[in-house]
PDB file of N, CA and C in Angstrom:
ATOM      1  N   LEU A   1       5.348 -13.825  -1.737  1.00  0.00           N
ATOM      2  CA  LEU A   1       5.978 -14.482  -0.731  1.00  0.00           C
ATOM      3  C   LEU A   1       7.021 -12.781  -0.181  1.00  0.00           C
ATOM      4  N   LEU A   2       7.456 -12.345  -1.460  1.00  0.00           N
ATOM      5  CA  LEU A   2       8.695 -11.956  -1.481  1.00  0.00           C
ATOM      6  C   LEU A   2       8.247 -10.269  -1.468  1.00  0.00           C
ATOM      7  N   ASN A   3       7.194  -9.985  -1.813  1.00  0.00           N
ATOM      8  CA  ASN A   3       6.548  -8.981  -2.014  1.00  0.00           C
ATOM      9  C   ASN A   3       6.177  -7.948  -0.282  1.00  0.00           C
ATOM     10  N   PRO A   4       7.042  -7.045  -0.364  1.00  0.00           N
ATOM     11  CA  PRO A   4       6.568  -6.356   1.301  1.00  0.00           C
ATOM     12  C   PRO A   4       5.383  -6.035   1.322  1.00  0.00           C
ATOM     13  N   LYS A   5       5.278  -4.799   0.441  1.00  0.00           N
ATOM     14  CA  LYS A   5       3.733  -4.489   0.139  1.00  0.00           C
ATOM     15  C   LYS A   5       2.596  -5.566   0.477  1.00  0.00           C
ATOM     16  N   ILE A   6       2.633  -6.782  -0.077  1.00  0.00           N
ATOM     17  CA  ILE A   6       1.558  -7.557  -0.338  1.00  0.00           C
ATOM     18  C   ILE A   6       1.859  -8.244   1.791  1.00  0.00           C
ATOM     19  N   LEU A   7       3.057  -8.222   2.128  1.00  0.00           N
ATOM     20  CA  LEU A   7       2.942  -8.666   3.393  1.00  0.00           C
ATOM     21  C   LEU A   7       2.656  -7.866   4.601  1.00  0.00           C
ATOM     22  N   ILE A   8       2.806  -6.486   4.129  1.00  0.00           N
ATOM     23  CA  ILE A   8       2.330  -5.461   5.227  1.00  0.00           C
ATOM     24  C   ILE A   8       0.658  -5.318   5.113  1.00  0.00           C
ATOM     25  N   TRP A   9       0.440  -5.314   3.761  1.00  0.00           N
ATOM     26  CA  TRP A   9      -1.417  -5.484   3.375  1.00  0.00           C
ATOM     27  C   TRP A   9      -1.964  -6.547   3.980  1.00  0.00           C
ATOM     28  N   PHE A  10      -1.238  -7.893   4.202  1.00  0.00           N
ATOM     29  CA  PHE A  10      -2.048  -8.853   4.560  1.00  0.00           C
ATOM     30  C   PHE A  10      -1.863  -8.858   6.137  1.00  0.00           C
ATOM     31  N   THR A  11      -0.936  -8.261   6.508  1.00  0.00           N
ATOM     32  CA  THR A  11      -0.684  -8.634   7.815  1.00  0.00           C
ATOM     33  C   THR A  11      -1.587  -7.465   9.054  1.00  0.00           C
ATOM     34  N   ALA A  12      -1.581  -6.563   8.376  1.00  0.00           N
ATOM     35  CA  ALA A  12      -2.692  -5.294   8.351  1.00  0.00           C
ATOM     36  C   ALA A  12      -4.208  -5.552   8.330  1.00  0.00           C
ATOM     37  N   ILE A  13      -4.373  -6.409   7.351  1.00  0.00           N
ATOM     38  CA  ILE A  13      -6.024  -6.699   7.449  1.00  0.00           C
ATOM     39  C   ILE A  13      -6.323  -8.009   8.441  1.00  0.00           C
ATOM     40  N   PHE A  14      -5.310  -8.860   7.938  1.00  0.00           N
ATOM     41  CA  PHE A  14      -5.606 -10.389   8.583  1.00  0.00           C
ATOM     42  C   PHE A  14      -5.128 -10.390  10.503  1.00  0.00           C
ATOM     43  N   SER A  15      -4.494  -9.735  10.869  1.00  0.00           N
ATOM     44  CA  SER A  15      -3.761  -9.421  12.264  1.00  0.00           C
ATOM     45  C   SER A  15      -4.962  -9.575  13.161  1.00  0.00           C
ATOM     46  N   GLN A  16      -5.989  -8.280  12.758  1.00  0.00           N
ATOM     47  CA  GLN A  16      -7.060  -8.458  13.583  1.00  0.00           C
ATOM     48  C   GLN A  16      -8.340  -9.503  13.706  1.00  0.00           C
ATOM     49  N   PHE A  17      -8.024 -10.689  12.976  1.00  0.00           N
ATOM     50  CA  PHE A  17      -8.952 -11.571  12.800  1.00  0.00           C
ATOM     51  C   PHE A  17      -8.529 -12.854  13.606  1.00  0.00           C
ATOM     52  N   ILE A  18      -6.971 -12.557  13.464  1.00  0.00           N
ATOM     53  CA  ILE A  18      -6.438 -13.874  14.285  1.00  0.00           C
ATOM     54  C   ILE A  18      -6.239 -13.715  15.705  1.00  0.00           C
ATOM     55  N   ARG A  19      -7.127 -14.823  16.458  1.00  0.00           N
ATOM     56  CA  ARG A  19      -6.610 -14.811  17.956  1.00  0.00           C
ATOM     57  C   ARG A  19      -5.441 -15.495  18.442  1.00  0.00           C
ATOM     58  N   ILE A  20      -4.714 -15.406  19.478  1.00  0.00           N
ATOM     59  CA  ILE A  20      -3.737 -16.162  19.928  1.00  0.00           C
ATOM     60  C   ILE A  20      -4.013 -17.580  19.726  1.00  0.00           C
ATOM     61  N   ASP A  21      -5.315 -17.616  20.361  1.00  0.00           N
ATOM     62  CA  ASP A  21      -5.759 -19.252  20.867  1.00  0.00           C
ATOM     63  C   ASP A  21      -6.717 -20.003  19.763  1.00  0.00           C
ATOM     64  N   ALA A  22      -5.866 -19.378  18.335  1.00  0.00           N
ATOM     65  CA  ALA A  22      -6.857 -20.009  17.080  1.00  0.00           C
ATOM     66  C   ALA A  22      -6.381 -21.541  16.723  1.00  0.00           C
ATOM     67  N   SER A  23      -7.153 -22.388  16.152  1.00  0.00           N
ATOM     68  CA  SER A  23      -6.653 -23.512  15.797  1.00  0.00           C
ATOM     69  C   SER A  23      -6.062 -23.194  14.260  1.00  0.00           C
ATOM     70  N   ASN A  24      -5.312 -24.407  14.310  1.00  0.00           N
ATOM     71  CA  ASN A  24      -4.577 -24.343  13.108  1.00  0.00           C
ATOM     72  C   ASN A  24      -5.659 -24.532  11.618  1.00  0.00           C
ATOM     73  N   LEU A  25      -6.673 -25.089  11.923  1.00  0.00           N
ATOM     74  CA  LEU A  25      -8.107 -24.738  10.826  1.00  0.00           C
ATOM     75  C   LEU A  25      -8.206 -23.729  10.670  1.00  0.00           C
ATOM     76  N   GLU A  26      -8.472 -22.850  11.878  1.00  0.00           N
ATOM     77  CA  GLU A  26      -8.819 -21.223  11.554  1.00  0.00           C
ATOM     78  C   GLU A  26      -7.688 -20.662  10.948  1.00  0.00           C
ATOM     79  N   LYS A  27      -6.784 -21.095  11.128  1.00  0.00           N
ATOM     80  CA  LYS A  27      -5.518 -20.071  10.225  1.00  0.00           C
ATOM     81  C   LYS A  27      -5.389 -20.687   9.089  1.00  0.00           C
ATOM     82  N   MET A  28      -5.959 -22.058   8.905  1.00  0.00           N
ATOM     83  CA  MET A  28      -5.616 -22.241   7.351  1.00  0.00           C
ATOM     84  C   MET A  28      -6.575 -21.797   6.617  1.00  0.00           C
ATOM     85  N   ILE A  29      -7.656 -21.670   7.025  1.00  0.00           N
ATOM     86  CA  ILE A  29      -8.944 -21.047   6.882  1.00  0.00           C
ATOM     87  C   ILE A  29      -9.033 -19.616   6.080  1.00  0.00           C
ATOM     88  N   LEU A  30      -7.844 -18.844   6.923  1.00  0.00           N
ATOM     89  CA  LEU A  30      -7.966 -17.446   6.883  1.00  0.00           C
ATOM     90  C   LEU A  30      -6.749 -17.395   5.738  1.00  0.00           C
ATOM     91  N   VAL A  31      -5.768 -18.044   5.516  1.00  0.00           N
ATOM     92  CA  VAL A  31      -4.703 -18.055   4.818  1.00  0.00           C
ATOM     93  C   VAL A  31      -5.283 -18.634   3.255  1.00  0.00           C
ATOM     94  N   SER A  32      -6.197 -19.613   3.225  1.00  0.00           N
ATOM     95  CA  SER A  32      -6.731 -19.834   2.194  1.00  0.00           C
ATOM     96  C   SER A  32      -7.437 -19.046   1.321  1.00  0.00           C
ATOM     97  N   THR A  33      -8.457 -18.180   2.372  1.00  0.00           N
ATOM     98  CA  THR A  33      -9.465 -17.157   1.911  1.00  0.00           C
ATOM     99  C   THR A  33      -7.901 -15.890   1.206  1.00  0.00           C
ATOM    100  N   ALA A  34      -7.043 -15.767   1.800  1.00  0.00           N
ATOM    101  CA  ALA A  34      -6.397 -14.575   1.116  1.00  0.00           C
ATOM    102  C   ALA A  34      -5.777 -15.375  -0.080  1.00  0.00           C
ATOM    103  N   ALA A  35      -5.343 -16.119   0.037  1.00  0.00           N
ATOM    104  CA  ALA A  35      -4.579 -16.844  -1.243  1.00  0.00           C
ATOM    105  C   ALA A  35      -5.652 -17.047  -2.395  1.00  0.00           C
ATOM    106  N   THR A  36      -6.974 -17.428  -2.133  1.00  0.00           N
ATOM    107  CA  THR A  36      -7.748 -17.529  -3.048  1.00  0.00           C
ATOM    108  C   THR A  36      -7.998 -16.296  -3.925  1.00  0.00           C
ATOM    109  N   ILE A  37      -8.424 -15.221  -2.905  1.00  0.00           N
ATOM    110  CA  ILE A  37      -8.742 -13.734  -3.622  1.00  0.00           C
ATOM    111  C   ILE A  37      -7.817 -13.075  -4.173  1.00  0.00           C
ATOM    112  N   ASP A  38      -6.567 -13.471  -4.019  1.00  0.00           N
ATOM    113  CA  ASP A  38      -5.467 -12.894  -4.445  1.00  0.00           C
ATOM    114  C   ASP A  38      -5.154 -13.847  -5.600  1.00  0.00           C
ATOM    115  N   VAL A  39      -5.332 -15.226  -5.736  1.00  0.00           N
ATOM    116  CA  VAL A  39      -5.098 -15.566  -7.313  1.00  0.00           C
ATOM    117  C   VAL A  39      -6.440 -15.102  -7.808  1.00  0.00           C
ATOM    118  N   LEU A  40      -7.730 -15.172  -7.592  1.00  0.00           N
ATOM    119  CA  LEU A  40      -8.780 -14.739  -8.605  1.00  0.00           C
ATOM    120  C   LEU A  40      -8.609 -13.419  -9.174  1.00  0.00           C
ATOM    121  N   TRP A  41      -7.832 -12.493  -8.281  1.00  0.00           N
ATOM    122  CA  TRP A  41      -7.814 -11.312  -8.589  1.00  0.00           C
ATOM    123  C   TRP A  41      -6.546 -11.048  -9.829  1.00  0.00           C
ATOM    124  N   TYR A  42      -5.481 -12.125  -9.572  1.00  0.00           N
ATOM    125  CA  TYR A  42      -4.456 -11.583 -10.700  1.00  0.00           C
ATOM    126  C   TYR A  42      -5.074 -12.100 -11.699  1.00  0.00           C
ATOM    127  N   ILE A  43      -6.045 -13.646 -12.151  1.00  0.00           N
ATOM    128  CA  ILE A  43      -6.506 -13.577 -13.226  1.00  0.00           C
ATOM    129  C   ILE A  43      -7.606 -13.261 -13.441  1.00  0.00           C
ATOM    130  N   ILE A  44      -8.489 -12.436 -12.838  1.00  0.00           N
ATOM    131  CA  ILE A  44      -9.165 -11.478 -13.391  1.00  0.00           C
ATOM    132  C   ILE A  44      -8.862 -10.404 -14.211  1.00  0.00           C
ATOM    133  N   VAL A  45      -7.474 -10.047 -13.440  1.00  0.00           N
ATOM    134  CA  VAL A  45      -6.967  -8.645 -14.103  1.00  0.00           C
ATOM    135  C   VAL A  45      -5.768  -9.252 -15.762  1.00  0.00           C
ATOM    136  N   SER A  46      -5.401 -10.144 -15.472  1.00  0.00           N
ATOM    137  CA  SER A  46      -4.408 -10.951 -16.797  1.00  0.00           C
ATOM    138  C   SER A  46      -5.453 -11.106 -17.911  1.00  0.00           C
ATOM    139  N   ILE A  47      -6.788 -11.390 -17.497  1.00  0.00           N
ATOM    140  CA  ILE A  47      -7.774 -11.715 -18.571  1.00  0.00           C
ATOM    141  C   ILE A  47      -8.611 -10.565 -19.468  1.00  0.00           C
ATOM    142  N   LEU A  48      -8.379  -9.567 -18.612  1.00  0.00           N
ATOM    143  CA  LEU A  48      -8.886  -8.170 -18.690  1.00  0.00           C
ATOM    144  C   LEU A  48      -7.973  -7.453 -19.869  1.00  0.00           C
ATOM    145  N   VAL A  49      -6.592  -7.885 -19.042  1.00  0.00           N
ATOM    146  CA  VAL A  49      -5.501  -7.004 -20.035  1.00  0.00           C
ATOM    147  C   VAL A  49      -5.086  -7.559 -20.890  1.00  0.00           C
ATOM    148  N   THR A  50      -5.109  -9.103 -21.128  1.00  0.00           N
ATOM    149  CA  THR A  50      -4.847  -9.469 -22.327  1.00  0.00           C
ATOM    150  C   THR A  50      -5.944  -9.742 -23.688  1.00  0.00           C
ATOM    151  N   GLY A  51      -7.126  -9.695 -22.832  1.00  0.00           N
ATOM    152  CA  GLY A  51      -8.220 -10.099 -23.855  1.00  0.00           C
ATOM    153  C   GLY A  51      -9.067  -8.870 -24.107  1.00  0.00           C
ATOM    154  N   TYR A  52      -9.737  -8.966 -24.966  1.00  0.00           N
ATOM    155  CA  TYR A  52     -11.089  -7.764 -25.030  1.00  0.00           C
ATOM    156  C   TYR A  52     -10.587  -6.468 -25.881  1.00  0.00           C
ATOM    157  N   GLY A  53      -9.051  -6.694 -26.514  1.00  0.00           N
ATOM    158  CA  GLY A  53      -8.455  -5.252 -26.932  1.00  0.00           C
ATOM    159  C   GLY A  53      -8.294  -4.394 -26.343  1.00  0.00           C
ATOM    160  N   PHE A  54      -7.728  -4.817 -24.780  1.00  0.00           N
ATOM    161  CA  PHE A  54      -6.916  -3.994 -24.424  1.00  0.00           C
ATOM    162  C   PHE A  54      -5.619  -3.505 -24.366  1.00  0.00           C
ATOM    163  N   LYS A  55      -5.116  -5.138 -24.306  1.00  0.00           N
ATOM    164  CA  LYS A  55      -3.704  -5.199 -24.939  1.00  0.00           C
ATOM    165  C   LYS A  55      -3.114  -4.166 -25.988  1.00  0.00           C
ATOM    166  N   ASN A  56      -3.910  -4.250 -27.085  1.00  0.00           N
ATOM    167  CA  ASN A  56      -3.721  -3.161 -28.240  1.00  0.00           C
ATOM    168  C   ASN A  56      -3.460  -1.985 -27.883  1.00  0.00           C
ATOM    169  N   PHE A  57      -4.813  -1.705 -27.075  1.00  0.00           N
ATOM    170  CA  PHE A  57      -5.049  -0.038 -26.349  1.00  0.00           C
ATOM    171  C   PHE A  57      -3.560   0.415 -25.606  1.00  0.00           C
ATOM    172  N   PHE A  58      -3.353  -0.689 -24.337  1.00  0.00           N
ATOM    173  CA  PHE A  58      -2.330  -0.282 -23.758  1.00  0.00           C
ATOM    174  C   PHE A  58      -1.199  -0.030 -24.525  1.00  0.00           C
ATOM    175  N   ASP A  59      -0.905  -1.273 -25.740  1.00  0.00           N
ATOM    176  CA  ASP A  59       0.539  -0.632 -26.258  1.00  0.00           C
ATOM    177  C   ASP A  59       0.504   0.229 -27.259  1.00  0.00           C
ATOM    178  N   ASN A  60      -0.799   0.587 -27.496  1.00  0.00           N
ATOM    179  CA  ASN A  60      -0.893   1.904 -28.517  1.00  0.00           C
ATOM    180  C   ASN A  60      -0.457   3.276 -27.309  1.00  0.00           C
ATOM    181  N   LYS A  61      -0.903   3.366 -26.082  1.00  0.00           N
ATOM    182  CA  LYS A  61      -0.933   4.446 -25.348  1.00  0.00           C
ATOM    183  C   LYS A  61       0.276   4.329 -24.316  1.00  0.00           C
ATOM    184  N   LYS A  62       0.812   2.954 -24.777  1.00  0.00           N
ATOM    185  CA  LYS A  62       2.208   3.084 -23.688  1.00  0.00           C
ATOM    186  C   LYS A  62       2.477   4.423 -23.315  1.00  0.00           C
ATOM    187  N   ARG A  63       3.220   4.900 -24.321  1.00  0.00           N
ATOM    188  CA  ARG A  63       4.346   6.282 -23.884  1.00  0.00           C
ATOM    189  C   ARG A  63       3.413   6.933 -22.962  1.00  0.00           C
ATOM    190  N   LEU A  64       2.029   7.395 -23.478  1.00  0.00           N
ATOM    191  CA  LEU A  64       1.234   8.420 -22.774  1.00  0.00           C
ATOM    192  C   LEU A  64       0.697   7.704 -21.441  1.00  0.00           C
ATOM    193  N   ILE A  65       0.783   6.690 -21.027  1.00  0.00           N
ATOM    194  CA  ILE A  65       0.337   6.082 -19.734  1.00  0.00           C
ATOM    195  C   ILE A  65       1.453   6.427 -19.296  1.00  0.00           C
ATOM    196  N   GLN A  66       2.472   6.271 -19.387  1.00  0.00           N
ATOM    197  CA  GLN A  66       3.939   6.513 -18.828  1.00  0.00           C
ATOM    198  C   GLN A  66       3.871   7.629 -18.239  1.00  0.00           C
ATOM    199  N   LYS A  67       4.019   8.425 -19.387  1.00  0.00           N
ATOM    200  CA  LYS A  67       4.212  10.174 -19.057  1.00  0.00           C
ATOM    201  C   LYS A  67       3.296  10.485 -17.609  1.00  0.00           C
ATOM    202  N   LEU A  68       2.112  10.011 -18.277  1.00  0.00           N
ATOM    203  CA  LEU A  68       0.779  10.261 -17.102  1.00  0.00           C
ATOM    204  C   LEU A  68       1.530  10.188 -15.808  1.00  0.00           C
ATOM    205  N   MET A  69       1.964   8.641 -15.408  1.00  0.00           N
ATOM    206  CA  MET A  69       2.206   7.766 -14.338  1.00  0.00           C
ATOM    207  C   MET A  69       3.077   8.912 -13.620  1.00  0.00           C
ATOM    208  N   GLY A  70       4.370   9.109 -14.441  1.00  0.00           N
ATOM    209  CA  GLY A  70       5.271   9.472 -14.040  1.00  0.00           C
ATOM    210  C   GLY A  70       5.202  11.093 -13.673  1.00  0.00           C
ATOM    211  N   VAL A  71       4.243  11.741 -14.183  1.00  0.00           N
ATOM    212  CA  VAL A  71       3.919  13.245 -13.748  1.00  0.00           C
ATOM    213  C   VAL A  71       3.365  12.924 -12.395  1.00  0.00           C
ATOM    214  N   LEU A  72       2.116  11.804 -12.372  1.00  0.00           N
ATOM    215  CA  LEU A  72       1.710  11.713 -10.648  1.00  0.00           C
ATOM    216  C   LEU A  72       2.246  10.817 -10.043  1.00  0.00           C
ATOM    217  N   LEU A  73       3.382  10.434 -10.179  1.00  0.00           N
ATOM    218  CA  LEU A  73       4.615   9.882  -9.106  1.00  0.00           C
ATOM    219  C   LEU A  73       5.047  11.169  -8.676  1.00  0.00           C
ATOM    220  N   ILE A  74       5.692  12.052  -9.648  1.00  0.00           N
ATOM    221  CA  ILE A  74       6.274  13.530  -9.521  1.00  0.00           C
ATOM    222  C   ILE A  74       5.394  14.261  -8.331  1.00  0.00           C
ATOM    223  N   VAL A  75       4.377  14.314  -8.838  1.00  0.00           N
ATOM    224  CA  VAL A  75       3.226  15.103  -7.944  1.00  0.00           C
ATOM    225  C   VAL A  75       3.242  14.515  -6.385  1.00  0.00           C
ATOM    226  N   ILE A  76       3.018  13.001  -6.408  1.00  0.00           N
ATOM    227  CA  ILE A  76       2.969  12.864  -4.920  1.00  0.00           C
ATOM    228  C   ILE A  76       3.998  12.817  -4.354  1.00  0.00           C
ATOM    229  N   ALA A  77       5.310  12.750  -5.138  1.00  0.00           N
ATOM    230  CA  ALA A  77       6.711  13.048  -4.390  1.00  0.00           C
ATOM    231  C   ALA A  77       6.788  14.585  -3.384  1.00  0.00           C
ATOM    232  N   VAL A  78       6.264  14.910  -4.844  1.00  0.00           N
ATOM    233  CA  VAL A  78       6.739  16.843  -4.212  1.00  0.00           C
ATOM    234  C   VAL A  78       5.601  17.233  -3.101  1.00  0.00           C
ATOM    235  N   SER A  79       4.515  16.855  -3.203  1.00  0.00           N
ATOM    236  CA  SER A  79       3.484  17.036  -1.778  1.00  0.00           C
ATOM    237  C   SER A  79       3.876  16.316  -0.740  1.00  0.00           C
ATOM    238  N   LEU A  80       4.475  14.928  -0.849  1.00  0.00           N
ATOM    239  CA  LEU A  80       5.148  14.753   0.578  1.00  0.00           C
ATOM    240  C   LEU A  80       6.099  15.171   1.005  1.00  0.00           C
ATOM    241  N   LEU A  81       7.244  15.874   0.222  1.00  0.00           N
ATOM    242  CA  LEU A  81       8.366  16.562   0.561  1.00  0.00           C
ATOM    243  C   LEU A  81       7.862  17.860   1.169  1.00  0.00           C
ATOM    244  N   TYR A  82       6.470  18.664   0.621  1.00  0.00           N
ATOM    245  CA  TYR A  82       6.233  19.552   0.777  1.00  0.00           C
ATOM    246  C   TYR A  82       5.479  19.674   2.369  1.00  0.00           C
ATOM    247  N   LYS A  83       4.707  18.166   2.744  1.00  0.00           N
ATOM    248  CA  LYS A  83       4.251  18.095   3.801  1.00  0.00           C
ATOM    249  C   LYS A  83       5.196  17.954   5.164  1.00  0.00           C
ATOM    250  N   LEU A  84       6.479  17.157   4.667  1.00  0.00           N
ATOM    251  CA  LEU A  84       7.666  16.798   5.459  1.00  0.00           C
ATOM    252  C   LEU A  84       8.224  18.258   5.877  1.00  0.00           C
ATOM    253  N   ILE A  85       8.530  19.321   4.858  1.00  0.00           N
ATOM    254  CA  ILE A  85       9.099  20.305   5.013  1.00  0.00           C
ATOM    255  C   ILE A  85       8.362  21.322   6.106  1.00  0.00           C
ATOM    256  N   SER A  86       6.864  21.274   5.529  1.00  0.00           N
ATOM    257  CA  SER A  86       5.860  22.347   6.481  1.00  0.00           C
ATOM    258  C   SER A  86       5.621  21.769   7.649  1.00  0.00           C
ATOM    259  N   TYR A  87       6.289  20.937   8.001  1.00  0.00           N
ATOM    260  CA  TYR A  87       5.944  20.707  10.169  1.00  0.00           C
ATOM    261  C   TYR A  87       7.329  21.051  10.588  1.00  0.00           C
TER     262      TYR A  87
END
């Protein structure tokens, strides 16, 4: 509830399906659908990451993954700055 990215995501996706004159049942169905999808996604991710040897893999490769993600974020930031300056 406090994550602004999730709030923006659900607002962008579900705002096109909600009618002004929608009943409370329709609104509850949309909210329940989003909540169910979100819960299932996080359950699947947590099972996959903590099971099947992935946890050991991530623990062993943690430094490499952090460095790669750092480089990726720096590249994204530089490209955004370049686009901002080139306008």
